[in-house]
Amino acid sequence: MSLRLSFLTAFAVAAIVAAAPAYADMEKFKADLTGPGEVPPTTSTGTGTIEASYDTATKTLTWSGSYSGLTGPEIAAHFHGPAALGVNAPVMVPVDAKESPFKGSATLTDAQAKAFDGGMVYFNIHTAANKAGEIRGQMTMEK
């Protein structure tokens, strides 16, 4: 009888462990967007901020941001990388930021997630007057 009870107990414990949800780490990032932060720097008096959260289990990046004072309407906005501070890089994730505030989400590849973790991603907003980018900020991990 005790062998059967031990088996049932072990089975119950295994079932509970298997049913427990996997807990993901949530990583948080932030950037302040300015004209002098662009490469090359712009004279724009526009400013903005963007905050992002990365769910390591689902590989989903979710963001929200706002901006004001641009020279004209936003024509493009992106996360770029991998790139150190002051270096330009290709687009990693396009963002719809036609209106401020804006928000969105995307699933990242492992390489993109690694770039975020390593501080090698920046965000910028482009306008007609500043096609290469009007305001920009390096994404930094919040602790």
Foldseek 3Di string as FASTA:
>chain_A
DVVVVVVVVVVVVVVVVVPDDDAWDKWKKKWKKAQVQDQVRDPFPKIKMKMWIATPVQQKIKMKMFIDRGPDFFPWKAKFDQADRNDGGDGQGTAPPRDPTGIDMDRHDPVVVVSLVVQRIKMFTADPVRRSGRIMTGMDIDD
